[in-house]
Amino acid sequence: MKKTGRKSETATGAPSGKARKVGRPPVESPNEERRDSIAAAALKLFSESGFAAVSNKELGEAAGINPALIYYYFEDKEDLFQFVVRKALADALSAYEEIRRDRGGIDSLDAWLSSNLLLFGEITRFLKVILDYAHSGRRSPKTDEAIARFYDTEVQLLANALRQEGNVAVPEADELASLVSVFLDGLMVARVVRPELDSERLVAVMRNLLGRKEK
């Protein structure tokens, strides 16, 4: 049979290009909004039921998609988990930048403390997910790296704020930044266990203590 010389095409008429993974539905192209909605659904489910207990079917239903589409965006469930961790950091940084932009003149330390209060629900779910991971017995160097990067970024941001805005010496600024990071984690957990806590007041107390240290 004579070859036509034409390139193979997809159902949409576009060149087929790279071979599609088996099982991947060809109905749509990857998009950031869909990927983020899958991650948001995964964060909620992982925090409620634990990573191991959540099925692809449940993830698909929560995200409002065909479960097979999950692997159109992520290599596997572990890849999705790592993305959830990275997105938690990106969301916290985004909220921090937005607060600094909207509240002209607010310093970096206040902006970070405020962003944690603003993202209470998301950060609490994030903490539940990484606690589940820590106790699961399964280890992934990439996941460990993603979690470490979240806290390294937080501590570095806080330490820089204390040094630049509070004139705190380098070694002490690093130690105080680590203390504030642990305080914020503890506060998020305490709000779940003791919902009557006034977290805004406690953050203000911490800020005042740091303010005294800066003087």
N, C-alpha and C. Protein backbone atom coordinates (compact mmCIF):
# COMPACT_ATOMS: atom_id res chain seq x y z
N MET A 1 0.85 -1.20 0.00
CA MET A 1 0.00 0.00 0.00
C MET A 1 0.88 1.24 0.00
N LYS A 2 0.50 2.20 -0.76
CA LYS A 2 1.29 3.41 -0.90
C LYS A 2 1.14 4.28 0.33
N LYS A 3 2.31 4.79 0.82
CA LYS A 3 2.28 5.69 1.96
C LYS A 3 1.85 7.07 1.52
N THR A 4 1.06 7.73 2.32
CA THR A 4 0.59 9.08 1.97
C THR A 4 1.60 10.14 2.32
N GLY A 5 2.51 9.83 3.29
CA GLY A 5 3.50 10.83 3.68
C GLY A 5 2.98 11.78 4.73
N ARG A 6 1.72 11.63 5.10
CA ARG A 6 1.16 12.53 6.12
C ARG A 6 1.54 12.04 7.50
N LYS A 7 1.71 13.00 8.43
CA LYS A 7 1.98 12.65 9.82
C LYS A 7 0.70 12.15 10.45
N SER A 8 0.85 11.24 11.40
CA SER A 8 -0.34 10.77 12.12
C SER A 8 -0.92 11.92 12.91
N GLU A 9 -2.25 11.92 13.04
CA GLU A 9 -2.92 13.01 13.73
C GLU A 9 -3.81 12.47 14.84
N THR A 10 -4.07 13.34 15.80
CA THR A 10 -4.98 12.98 16.89
C THR A 10 -6.40 13.20 16.44
N ALA A 11 -7.35 12.87 17.33
CA ALA A 11 -8.76 13.03 17.00
C ALA A 11 -9.12 14.49 16.80
N THR A 12 -8.30 15.40 17.34
CA THR A 12 -8.59 16.83 17.20
C THR A 12 -7.99 17.41 15.94
N GLY A 13 -7.20 16.57 15.20
CA GLY A 13 -6.59 17.07 13.98
C GLY A 13 -5.18 17.56 14.17
N ALA A 14 -4.71 17.59 15.45
CA ALA A 14 -3.36 18.05 15.73
C ALA A 14 -2.40 16.88 15.58
N PRO A 15 -1.11 17.16 15.24
CA PRO A 15 -0.14 16.07 15.14
C PRO A 15 -0.07 15.33 16.46
N SER A 16 0.06 14.01 16.35
CA SER A 16 0.02 13.20 17.56
C SER A 16 1.23 13.40 18.44
N GLY A 17 2.40 13.67 17.83
CA GLY A 17 3.60 13.92 18.62
C GLY A 17 3.97 12.72 19.45
N LYS A 18 4.28 12.98 20.75
CA LYS A 18 4.73 11.94 21.65
C LYS A 18 3.60 10.98 21.97
N ALA A 19 3.94 9.72 22.10
CA ALA A 19 2.92 8.71 22.42
C ALA A 19 2.32 8.97 23.78
N ARG A 20 1.02 8.81 23.87
CA ARG A 20 0.31 9.04 25.13
C ARG A 20 0.44 7.82 26.01
N LYS A 21 0.53 8.07 27.35
CA LYS A 21 0.61 6.94 28.29
C LYS A 21 -0.65 6.13 28.22
N VAL A 22 -0.49 4.83 28.39
CA VAL A 22 -1.64 3.94 28.39
C VAL A 22 -2.56 4.34 29.55
N GLY A 23 -3.85 4.42 29.25
CA GLY A 23 -4.81 4.74 30.30
C GLY A 23 -5.09 6.22 30.45
N ARG A 24 -4.31 7.05 29.81
CA ARG A 24 -4.56 8.48 29.90
C ARG A 24 -5.69 8.88 28.97
N PRO A 25 -6.72 9.51 29.50
CA PRO A 25 -7.80 9.93 28.61
C PRO A 25 -7.38 11.08 27.71
N PRO A 26 -7.70 11.04 26.42
CA PRO A 26 -7.24 12.05 25.49
C PRO A 26 -8.18 13.24 25.38
N VAL A 27 -9.08 13.41 26.36
CA VAL A 27 -10.15 14.38 26.17
C VAL A 27 -9.75 15.80 26.48
N GLU A 28 -8.62 16.05 27.16
CA GLU A 28 -8.25 17.42 27.46
C GLU A 28 -6.75 17.55 27.60
N SER A 29 -6.25 18.79 27.51
CA SER A 29 -4.85 19.06 27.73
C SER A 29 -4.65 19.47 29.18
N PRO A 30 -3.46 19.21 29.74
CA PRO A 30 -3.22 19.60 31.13
C PRO A 30 -3.41 21.10 31.31
N ASN A 31 -4.02 21.50 32.41
CA ASN A 31 -4.13 22.91 32.72
C ASN A 31 -3.94 23.12 34.21
N GLU A 32 -3.43 24.29 34.56
CA GLU A 32 -3.04 24.57 35.94
C GLU A 32 -4.23 24.55 36.88
N GLU A 33 -5.36 25.07 36.44
CA GLU A 33 -6.55 25.13 37.30
C GLU A 33 -7.01 23.72 37.68
N ARG A 34 -7.04 22.81 36.72
CA ARG A 34 -7.47 21.44 36.99
C ARG A 34 -6.47 20.75 37.92
N ARG A 35 -5.19 20.96 37.67
CA ARG A 35 -4.15 20.36 38.51
C ARG A 35 -4.29 20.83 39.96
N ASP A 36 -4.51 22.14 40.13
CA ASP A 36 -4.64 22.69 41.49
C ASP A 36 -5.91 22.20 42.18
N SER A 37 -6.98 21.98 41.42
CA SER A 37 -8.22 21.48 42.03
C SER A 37 -8.04 20.04 42.50
N ILE A 38 -7.25 19.25 41.76
CA ILE A 38 -6.94 17.88 42.18
C ILE A 38 -6.12 17.93 43.47
N ALA A 39 -5.15 18.84 43.52
CA ALA A 39 -4.30 18.95 44.71
C ALA A 39 -5.10 19.39 45.92
N ALA A 40 -6.04 20.32 45.72
CA ALA A 40 -6.87 20.79 46.84
C ALA A 40 -7.75 19.66 47.38
N ALA A 41 -8.32 18.88 46.46
CA ALA A 41 -9.13 17.73 46.87
C ALA A 41 -8.28 16.70 47.59
N ALA A 42 -7.06 16.49 47.10
CA ALA A 42 -6.16 15.52 47.72
C ALA A 42 -5.77 15.96 49.13
N LEU A 43 -5.47 17.25 49.29
CA LEU A 43 -5.10 17.75 50.62
C LEU A 43 -6.22 17.52 51.62
N LYS A 44 -7.45 17.79 51.21
CA LYS A 44 -8.60 17.61 52.11
C LYS A 44 -8.77 16.13 52.47
N LEU A 45 -8.73 15.26 51.47
CA LEU A 45 -8.94 13.84 51.71
C LEU A 45 -7.78 13.22 52.50
N PHE A 46 -6.55 13.58 52.15
CA PHE A 46 -5.39 13.04 52.86
C PHE A 46 -5.43 13.44 54.33
N SER A 47 -5.87 14.67 54.61
CA SER A 47 -5.91 15.14 56.00
C SER A 47 -7.03 14.48 56.79
N GLU A 48 -8.11 14.11 56.10
CA GLU A 48 -9.26 13.50 56.77
C GLU A 48 -9.10 11.99 56.98
N SER A 49 -8.55 11.31 55.97
CA SER A 49 -8.53 9.85 56.00
C SER A 49 -7.14 9.23 56.03
N GLY A 50 -6.12 10.05 55.75
CA GLY A 50 -4.77 9.50 55.65
C GLY A 50 -4.44 9.15 54.21
N PHE A 51 -3.19 9.30 53.85
CA PHE A 51 -2.73 9.08 52.48
C PHE A 51 -3.09 7.70 51.97
N ALA A 52 -2.77 6.66 52.75
CA ALA A 52 -2.94 5.28 52.29
C ALA A 52 -4.40 4.90 52.10
N ALA A 53 -5.29 5.52 52.86
CA ALA A 53 -6.70 5.12 52.82
C ALA A 53 -7.49 5.75 51.67
N VAL A 54 -6.93 6.75 51.04
CA VAL A 54 -7.66 7.47 49.98
C VAL A 54 -7.47 6.76 48.65
N SER A 55 -8.58 6.44 47.99
CA SER A 55 -8.52 5.74 46.71
C SER A 55 -8.56 6.74 45.55
N ASN A 56 -8.15 6.27 44.38
CA ASN A 56 -8.23 7.12 43.18
C ASN A 56 -9.67 7.51 42.90
N LYS A 57 -10.60 6.60 43.15
CA LYS A 57 -12.02 6.88 42.92
C LYS A 57 -12.48 8.04 43.79
N GLU A 58 -12.06 8.03 45.05
CA GLU A 58 -12.43 9.11 45.97
C GLU A 58 -11.80 10.43 45.54
N LEU A 59 -10.56 10.37 45.11
CA LEU A 59 -9.89 11.58 44.63
C LEU A 59 -10.60 12.16 43.42
N GLY A 60 -10.96 11.29 42.48
CA GLY A 60 -11.66 11.74 41.28
C GLY A 60 -13.00 12.36 41.61
N GLU A 61 -13.77 11.72 42.51
CA GLU A 61 -15.08 12.26 42.89
C GLU A 61 -14.94 13.61 43.58
N ALA A 62 -13.96 13.73 44.47
CA ALA A 62 -13.76 14.99 45.20
C ALA A 62 -13.34 16.13 44.27
N ALA A 63 -12.53 15.78 43.25
CA ALA A 63 -12.06 16.79 42.30
C ALA A 63 -13.03 17.00 41.14
N GLY A 64 -14.06 16.14 41.05
CA GLY A 64 -15.04 16.26 39.98
C GLY A 64 -14.51 15.86 38.62
N ILE A 65 -13.65 14.83 38.61
CA ILE A 65 -13.06 14.39 37.35
C ILE A 65 -13.07 12.86 37.27
N ASN A 66 -12.82 12.34 36.07
CA ASN A 66 -12.59 10.91 35.88
C ASN A 66 -11.30 10.55 36.63
N PRO A 67 -11.32 9.54 37.51
CA PRO A 67 -10.12 9.19 38.27
C PRO A 67 -8.88 8.97 37.40
N ALA A 68 -9.08 8.48 36.17
CA ALA A 68 -7.93 8.24 35.29
C ALA A 68 -7.19 9.52 34.96
N LEU A 69 -7.89 10.66 35.03
CA LEU A 69 -7.26 11.94 34.72
C LEU A 69 -6.20 12.34 35.73
N ILE A 70 -6.28 11.80 36.93
CA ILE A 70 -5.30 12.15 37.96
C ILE A 70 -3.90 11.90 37.44
N TYR A 71 -3.72 10.78 36.73
CA TYR A 71 -2.40 10.43 36.25
C TYR A 71 -2.07 11.06 34.90
N TYR A 72 -2.94 11.94 34.47
CA TYR A 72 -2.62 12.80 33.35
C TYR A 72 -1.81 13.99 33.86
N TYR A 73 -1.95 14.27 35.16
CA TYR A 73 -1.27 15.40 35.79
C TYR A 73 -0.13 14.98 36.71
N PHE A 74 -0.22 13.77 37.26
CA PHE A 74 0.78 13.31 38.22
C PHE A 74 1.23 11.89 37.87
N GLU A 75 2.51 11.62 38.07
CA GLU A 75 3.05 10.31 37.72
C GLU A 75 2.42 9.20 38.54
N ASP A 76 2.24 9.46 39.82
CA ASP A 76 1.63 8.48 40.72
C ASP A 76 1.14 9.22 41.95
N LYS A 77 0.63 8.47 42.90
CA LYS A 77 0.07 9.07 44.11
C LYS A 77 1.14 9.80 44.92
N GLU A 78 2.35 9.28 44.93
CA GLU A 78 3.45 9.92 45.66
C GLU A 78 3.79 11.26 45.02
N ASP A 79 3.75 11.32 43.71
CA ASP A 79 4.02 12.57 42.99
C ASP A 79 2.94 13.61 43.35
N LEU A 80 1.70 13.16 43.45
CA LEU A 80 0.61 14.04 43.86
C LEU A 80 0.86 14.55 45.28
N PHE A 81 1.28 13.67 46.18
CA PHE A 81 1.55 14.06 47.56
C PHE A 81 2.64 15.14 47.60
N GLN A 82 3.71 14.95 46.84
CA GLN A 82 4.80 15.92 46.82
C GLN A 82 4.31 17.28 46.29
N PHE A 83 3.44 17.23 45.28
CA PHE A 83 2.91 18.47 44.75
C PHE A 83 2.05 19.19 45.79
N VAL A 84 1.27 18.42 46.56
CA VAL A 84 0.45 19.01 47.63
C VAL A 84 1.33 19.76 48.62
N VAL A 85 2.47 19.17 48.99
CA VAL A 85 3.39 19.82 49.93
C VAL A 85 3.97 21.09 49.31
N ARG A 86 4.40 21.01 48.06
CA ARG A 86 4.97 22.19 47.39
C ARG A 86 3.94 23.30 47.24
N LYS A 87 2.70 22.91 46.96
CA LYS A 87 1.65 23.90 46.78
C LYS A 87 1.32 24.59 48.09
N ALA A 88 1.40 23.86 49.21
CA ALA A 88 1.16 24.48 50.51
C ALA A 88 2.14 25.61 50.76
N LEU A 89 3.41 25.39 50.40
CA LEU A 89 4.41 26.43 50.54
C LEU A 89 4.12 27.59 49.60
N ALA A 90 3.79 27.28 48.35
CA ALA A 90 3.51 28.34 47.36
C ALA A 90 2.31 29.18 47.79
N ASP A 91 1.27 28.54 48.33
CA ASP A 91 0.08 29.27 48.77
C ASP A 91 0.41 30.17 49.96
N ALA A 92 1.22 29.66 50.89
CA ALA A 92 1.60 30.48 52.06
C ALA A 92 2.40 31.70 51.62
N LEU A 93 3.34 31.51 50.68
CA LEU A 93 4.13 32.62 50.19
C LEU A 93 3.28 33.61 49.41
N SER A 94 2.31 33.10 48.66
CA SER A 94 1.42 33.96 47.89
C SER A 94 0.58 34.83 48.84
N ALA A 95 0.04 34.21 49.90
CA ALA A 95 -0.75 34.96 50.87
C ALA A 95 0.10 36.01 51.56
N TYR A 96 1.32 35.64 51.86
CA TYR A 96 2.27 36.57 52.50
C TYR A 96 2.52 37.79 51.61
N GLU A 97 2.79 37.55 50.33
CA GLU A 97 3.05 38.66 49.40
C GLU A 97 1.80 39.52 49.22
N GLU A 98 0.64 38.89 49.18
CA GLU A 98 -0.62 39.64 49.01
C GLU A 98 -0.88 40.54 50.22
N ILE A 99 -0.61 40.03 51.41
CA ILE A 99 -0.80 40.83 52.62
C ILE A 99 0.16 42.02 52.63
N ARG A 100 1.39 41.79 52.24
CA ARG A 100 2.36 42.89 52.19
C ARG A 100 1.94 43.95 51.17
N ARG A 101 1.38 43.48 50.06
CA ARG A 101 0.96 44.40 49.00
C ARG A 101 -0.28 45.19 49.40
N ASP A 102 -1.25 44.50 50.03
CA ASP A 102 -2.52 45.14 50.37
C ASP A 102 -2.44 46.02 51.61
N ARG A 103 -1.51 45.68 52.49
CA ARG A 103 -1.36 46.47 53.72
C ARG A 103 -0.03 47.21 53.65
N GLY A 104 -0.01 48.24 52.87
CA GLY A 104 1.23 48.99 52.66
C GLY A 104 1.91 49.35 53.97
N GLY A 105 3.22 49.04 54.05
CA GLY A 105 3.97 49.40 55.24
C GLY A 105 4.12 48.27 56.25
N ILE A 106 3.34 47.21 56.13
CA ILE A 106 3.45 46.10 57.06
C ILE A 106 4.80 45.41 56.86
N ASP A 107 5.45 45.04 57.97
CA ASP A 107 6.77 44.41 57.81
C ASP A 107 6.63 42.92 57.53
N SER A 108 7.76 42.31 57.18
CA SER A 108 7.75 40.91 56.74
C SER A 108 7.29 39.97 57.85
N LEU A 109 7.71 40.22 59.08
CA LEU A 109 7.34 39.35 60.19
C LEU A 109 5.84 39.37 60.42
N ASP A 110 5.25 40.56 60.47
CA ASP A 110 3.81 40.67 60.66
C ASP A 110 3.05 40.04 59.50
N ALA A 111 3.57 40.22 58.30
CA ALA A 111 2.89 39.66 57.12
C ALA A 111 2.88 38.14 57.17
N TRP A 112 3.99 37.52 57.60
CA TRP A 112 4.04 36.06 57.67
C TRP A 112 3.11 35.53 58.76
N LEU A 113 3.10 36.18 59.91
CA LEU A 113 2.21 35.77 60.99
C LEU A 113 0.75 35.90 60.54
N SER A 114 0.44 36.98 59.86
CA SER A 114 -0.93 37.19 59.38
C SER A 114 -1.32 36.17 58.33
N SER A 115 -0.38 35.80 57.46
CA SER A 115 -0.70 34.83 56.40
C SER A 115 -1.01 33.47 57.01
N ASN A 116 -0.37 33.12 58.11
CA ASN A 116 -0.66 31.85 58.78
C ASN A 116 -2.06 31.85 59.36
N LEU A 117 -2.49 32.97 59.91
CA LEU A 117 -3.86 33.06 60.42
C LEU A 117 -4.87 32.99 59.27
N LEU A 118 -4.54 33.66 58.17
CA LEU A 118 -5.44 33.68 57.02
C LEU A 118 -5.62 32.29 56.43
N LEU A 119 -4.56 31.50 56.40
CA LEU A 119 -4.59 30.17 55.80
C LEU A 119 -4.73 29.07 56.86
N PHE A 120 -5.40 29.37 57.94
CA PHE A 120 -5.51 28.41 59.04
C PHE A 120 -6.00 27.05 58.56
N GLY A 121 -7.10 27.01 57.79
CA GLY A 121 -7.66 25.74 57.34
C GLY A 121 -6.69 24.94 56.50
N GLU A 122 -6.07 25.60 55.52
CA GLU A 122 -5.14 24.91 54.62
C GLU A 122 -3.89 24.41 55.36
N ILE A 123 -3.35 25.27 56.24
CA ILE A 123 -2.13 24.88 56.95
C ILE A 123 -2.41 23.76 57.95
N THR A 124 -3.59 23.80 58.58
CA THR A 124 -3.95 22.72 59.50
C THR A 124 -4.05 21.39 58.76
N ARG A 125 -4.67 21.40 57.58
CA ARG A 125 -4.75 20.17 56.79
C ARG A 125 -3.37 19.72 56.36
N PHE A 126 -2.51 20.67 55.99
CA PHE A 126 -1.14 20.36 55.60
C PHE A 126 -0.40 19.67 56.75
N LEU A 127 -0.56 20.19 57.97
CA LEU A 127 0.11 19.60 59.12
C LEU A 127 -0.39 18.18 59.38
N LYS A 128 -1.70 17.98 59.23
CA LYS A 128 -2.25 16.62 59.41
C LYS A 128 -1.65 15.66 58.40
N VAL A 129 -1.49 16.12 57.18
CA VAL A 129 -0.96 15.27 56.11
C VAL A 129 0.49 14.88 56.38
N ILE A 130 1.32 15.84 56.78
CA ILE A 130 2.73 15.50 56.99
C ILE A 130 2.93 14.72 58.30
N LEU A 131 2.03 14.91 59.27
CA LEU A 131 2.09 14.08 60.48
C LEU A 131 1.75 12.62 60.13
N ASP A 132 0.74 12.46 59.28
CA ASP A 132 0.38 11.11 58.83
C ASP A 132 1.55 10.48 58.08
N TYR A 133 2.20 11.26 57.24
CA TYR A 133 3.35 10.77 56.49
C TYR A 133 4.49 10.37 57.44
N ALA A 134 4.75 11.21 58.45
CA ALA A 134 5.85 10.95 59.38
C ALA A 134 5.65 9.66 60.16
N HIS A 135 4.39 9.30 60.40
CA HIS A 135 4.09 8.11 61.18
C HIS A 135 3.76 6.88 60.31
N SER A 136 3.81 7.06 59.02
CA SER A 136 3.37 5.99 58.12
C SER A 136 4.41 4.90 57.91
N GLY A 137 5.66 5.23 58.13
CA GLY A 137 6.73 4.27 57.87
C GLY A 137 7.23 4.30 56.45
N ARG A 138 6.51 4.98 55.54
CA ARG A 138 6.99 5.06 54.16
C ARG A 138 7.85 6.32 54.03
N ARG A 139 8.99 6.21 53.39
CA ARG A 139 9.87 7.34 53.24
C ARG A 139 10.14 7.59 51.77
N SER A 140 10.15 8.85 51.41
CA SER A 140 10.46 9.25 50.04
C SER A 140 11.42 10.44 50.11
N PRO A 141 12.63 10.30 49.57
CA PRO A 141 13.58 11.42 49.62
C PRO A 141 13.00 12.70 49.03
N LYS A 142 12.22 12.58 47.95
CA LYS A 142 11.64 13.78 47.33
C LYS A 142 10.60 14.42 48.24
N THR A 143 9.81 13.59 48.92
CA THR A 143 8.81 14.13 49.84
C THR A 143 9.49 14.77 51.04
N ASP A 144 10.51 14.10 51.58
CA ASP A 144 11.26 14.66 52.70
C ASP A 144 11.86 16.01 52.32
N GLU A 145 12.36 16.09 51.09
CA GLU A 145 12.97 17.33 50.61
C GLU A 145 11.91 18.43 50.49
N ALA A 146 10.72 18.08 49.99
CA ALA A 146 9.66 19.08 49.83
C ALA A 146 9.21 19.63 51.19
N ILE A 147 9.10 18.75 52.19
CA ILE A 147 8.69 19.19 53.53
C ILE A 147 9.79 20.06 54.15
N ALA A 148 11.05 19.61 54.01
CA ALA A 148 12.17 20.39 54.56
C ALA A 148 12.24 21.76 53.91
N ARG A 149 11.96 21.82 52.60
CA ARG A 149 12.01 23.10 51.90
C ARG A 149 10.95 24.06 52.43
N PHE A 150 9.78 23.52 52.78
CA PHE A 150 8.71 24.36 53.34
C PHE A 150 9.21 25.05 54.61
N TYR A 151 9.77 24.27 55.52
CA TYR A 151 10.20 24.85 56.80
C TYR A 151 11.48 25.67 56.66
N ASP A 152 12.38 25.27 55.79
CA ASP A 152 13.59 26.06 55.57
C ASP A 152 13.23 27.44 55.05
N THR A 153 12.26 27.48 54.13
CA THR A 153 11.83 28.77 53.57
C THR A 153 11.20 29.64 54.65
N GLU A 154 10.35 29.02 55.48
CA GLU A 154 9.70 29.78 56.56
C GLU A 154 10.73 30.35 57.53
N VAL A 155 11.65 29.51 57.99
CA VAL A 155 12.65 29.94 58.96
C VAL A 155 13.56 31.01 58.36
N GLN A 156 13.93 30.84 57.10
CA GLN A 156 14.80 31.83 56.45
C GLN A 156 14.09 33.17 56.33
N LEU A 157 12.82 33.14 55.95
CA LEU A 157 12.04 34.38 55.82
C LEU A 157 11.94 35.09 57.18
N LEU A 158 11.64 34.33 58.22
CA LEU A 158 11.50 34.92 59.56
C LEU A 158 12.84 35.46 60.06
N ALA A 159 13.92 34.69 59.85
CA ALA A 159 15.25 35.12 60.31
C ALA A 159 15.67 36.40 59.59
N ASN A 160 15.43 36.47 58.29
CA ASN A 160 15.77 37.69 57.54
C ASN A 160 14.99 38.89 58.06
N ALA A 161 13.70 38.67 58.38
CA ALA A 161 12.88 39.76 58.90
C ALA A 161 13.41 40.24 60.25
N LEU A 162 13.78 39.31 61.10
CA LEU A 162 14.30 39.69 62.42
C LEU A 162 15.63 40.43 62.30
N ARG A 163 16.47 40.01 61.35
CA ARG A 163 17.78 40.67 61.18
C ARG A 163 17.62 42.05 60.56
N GLN A 164 16.82 42.12 59.50
CA GLN A 164 16.72 43.37 58.74
C GLN A 164 15.80 44.40 59.39
N GLU A 165 14.71 43.93 59.96
CA GLU A 165 13.72 44.86 60.50
C GLU A 165 13.86 45.04 62.01
N GLY A 166 14.50 44.07 62.68
CA GLY A 166 14.61 44.15 64.12
C GLY A 166 16.03 44.29 64.63
N ASN A 167 17.01 44.29 63.71
CA ASN A 167 18.41 44.41 64.08
C ASN A 167 18.84 43.35 65.10
N VAL A 168 18.32 42.15 64.94
CA VAL A 168 18.70 41.03 65.80
C VAL A 168 19.94 40.37 65.19
N ALA A 169 20.89 40.01 66.03
CA ALA A 169 22.12 39.40 65.55
C ALA A 169 21.84 38.07 64.86
N VAL A 170 22.71 37.68 63.93
CA VAL A 170 22.47 36.51 63.08
C VAL A 170 22.17 35.22 63.85
N PRO A 171 23.05 34.80 64.79
CA PRO A 171 22.76 33.51 65.46
C PRO A 171 21.44 33.54 66.22
N GLU A 172 21.17 34.64 66.90
CA GLU A 172 19.94 34.73 67.69
C GLU A 172 18.72 34.83 66.79
N ALA A 173 18.85 35.52 65.66
CA ALA A 173 17.73 35.63 64.71
C ALA A 173 17.35 34.26 64.18
N ASP A 174 18.33 33.42 63.88
CA ASP A 174 18.06 32.08 63.38
C ASP A 174 17.33 31.24 64.43
N GLU A 175 17.76 31.35 65.68
CA GLU A 175 17.13 30.59 66.76
C GLU A 175 15.71 31.07 67.01
N LEU A 176 15.52 32.38 67.01
CA LEU A 176 14.17 32.94 67.22
C LEU A 176 13.24 32.54 66.07
N ALA A 177 13.76 32.54 64.85
CA ALA A 177 12.96 32.16 63.69
C ALA A 177 12.49 30.72 63.81
N SER A 178 13.37 29.84 64.26
CA SER A 178 12.99 28.43 64.46
C SER A 178 11.93 28.32 65.55
N LEU A 179 12.06 29.12 66.60
CA LEU A 179 11.08 29.11 67.69
C LEU A 179 9.71 29.56 67.18
N VAL A 180 9.67 30.62 66.38
CA VAL A 180 8.40 31.12 65.84
C VAL A 180 7.77 30.09 64.92
N SER A 181 8.59 29.41 64.11
CA SER A 181 8.07 28.38 63.22
C SER A 181 7.39 27.26 64.00
N VAL A 182 8.05 26.81 65.08
CA VAL A 182 7.47 25.77 65.92
C VAL A 182 6.21 26.28 66.61
N PHE A 183 6.24 27.53 67.07
CA PHE A 183 5.07 28.14 67.71
C PHE A 183 3.87 28.14 66.77
N LEU A 184 4.09 28.48 65.51
CA LEU A 184 2.98 28.54 64.56
C LEU A 184 2.39 27.16 64.30
N ASP A 185 3.24 26.14 64.18
CA ASP A 185 2.74 24.77 64.02
C ASP A 185 1.92 24.37 65.24
N GLY A 186 2.46 24.65 66.42
CA GLY A 186 1.75 24.30 67.65
C GLY A 186 0.42 25.00 67.77
N LEU A 187 0.39 26.25 67.34
CA LEU A 187 -0.85 27.02 67.41
C LEU A 187 -1.92 26.43 66.49
N MET A 188 -1.51 26.02 65.29
CA MET A 188 -2.46 25.43 64.35
C MET A 188 -3.08 24.14 64.90
N VAL A 189 -2.25 23.31 65.52
CA VAL A 189 -2.74 22.07 66.12
C VAL A 189 -3.63 22.39 67.32
N ALA A 190 -3.21 23.34 68.15
CA ALA A 190 -3.97 23.69 69.35
C ALA A 190 -5.35 24.23 68.99
N ARG A 191 -5.46 24.92 67.88
CA ARG A 191 -6.77 25.46 67.48
C ARG A 191 -7.76 24.36 67.13
N VAL A 192 -7.24 23.24 66.66
CA VAL A 192 -8.10 22.09 66.35
C VAL A 192 -8.58 21.44 67.64
N VAL A 193 -7.63 21.24 68.57
CA VAL A 193 -7.94 20.55 69.82
C VAL A 193 -8.72 21.46 70.78
N ARG A 194 -8.37 22.73 70.77
CA ARG A 194 -8.99 23.70 71.68
C ARG A 194 -9.51 24.89 70.87
N PRO A 195 -10.66 24.73 70.22
CA PRO A 195 -11.17 25.77 69.32
C PRO A 195 -11.48 27.09 70.00
N GLU A 196 -11.55 27.08 71.34
CA GLU A 196 -11.85 28.32 72.05
C GLU A 196 -10.64 29.26 72.12
N LEU A 197 -9.46 28.76 71.75
CA LEU A 197 -8.26 29.59 71.80
C LEU A 197 -8.39 30.81 70.89
N ASP A 198 -7.94 31.93 71.38
CA ASP A 198 -7.92 33.16 70.58
C ASP A 198 -6.56 33.23 69.90
N SER A 199 -6.46 32.65 68.71
CA SER A 199 -5.17 32.56 68.03
C SER A 199 -4.63 33.93 67.64
N GLU A 200 -5.51 34.84 67.28
CA GLU A 200 -5.04 36.18 66.91
C GLU A 200 -4.37 36.86 68.09
N ARG A 201 -4.95 36.69 69.27
CA ARG A 201 -4.35 37.30 70.47
C ARG A 201 -3.00 36.66 70.77
N LEU A 202 -2.89 35.34 70.63
CA LEU A 202 -1.64 34.65 70.91
C LEU A 202 -0.55 35.06 69.91
N VAL A 203 -0.93 35.24 68.65
CA VAL A 203 0.04 35.72 67.66
C VAL A 203 0.50 37.12 68.01
N ALA A 204 -0.44 37.96 68.47
CA ALA A 204 -0.09 39.32 68.87
C ALA A 204 0.87 39.30 70.07
N VAL A 205 0.65 38.38 71.00
CA VAL A 205 1.55 38.25 72.16
C VAL A 205 2.95 37.88 71.68
N MET A 206 3.03 36.90 70.77
CA MET A 206 4.33 36.51 70.22
C MET A 206 5.00 37.69 69.53
N ARG A 207 4.22 38.44 68.77
CA ARG A 207 4.80 39.59 68.06
C ARG A 207 5.32 40.63 69.04
N ASN A 208 4.58 40.85 70.14
CA ASN A 208 5.04 41.82 71.14
C ASN A 208 6.31 41.35 71.82
N LEU A 209 6.41 40.05 72.11
CA LEU A 209 7.62 39.52 72.71
C LEU A 209 8.82 39.70 71.78
N LEU A 210 8.60 39.44 70.49
CA LEU A 210 9.67 39.61 69.53
C LEU A 210 10.03 41.09 69.40
N GLY A 211 9.02 41.95 69.50
CA GLY A 211 9.25 43.39 69.43
C GLY A 211 10.14 43.87 70.57
N ARG A 212 9.91 43.32 71.74
CA ARG A 212 10.74 43.68 72.88
C ARG A 212 12.18 43.21 72.68
N LYS A 213 12.31 42.04 72.04
CA LYS A 213 13.64 41.49 71.80
C LYS A 213 14.39 42.36 70.79
N GLU A 214 13.64 42.98 69.89
CA GLU A 214 14.28 43.78 68.86
C GLU A 214 14.81 45.09 69.40
N LYS A 215 14.26 45.55 70.53
CA LYS A 215 14.63 46.87 71.06
C LYS A 215 15.99 46.83 71.73
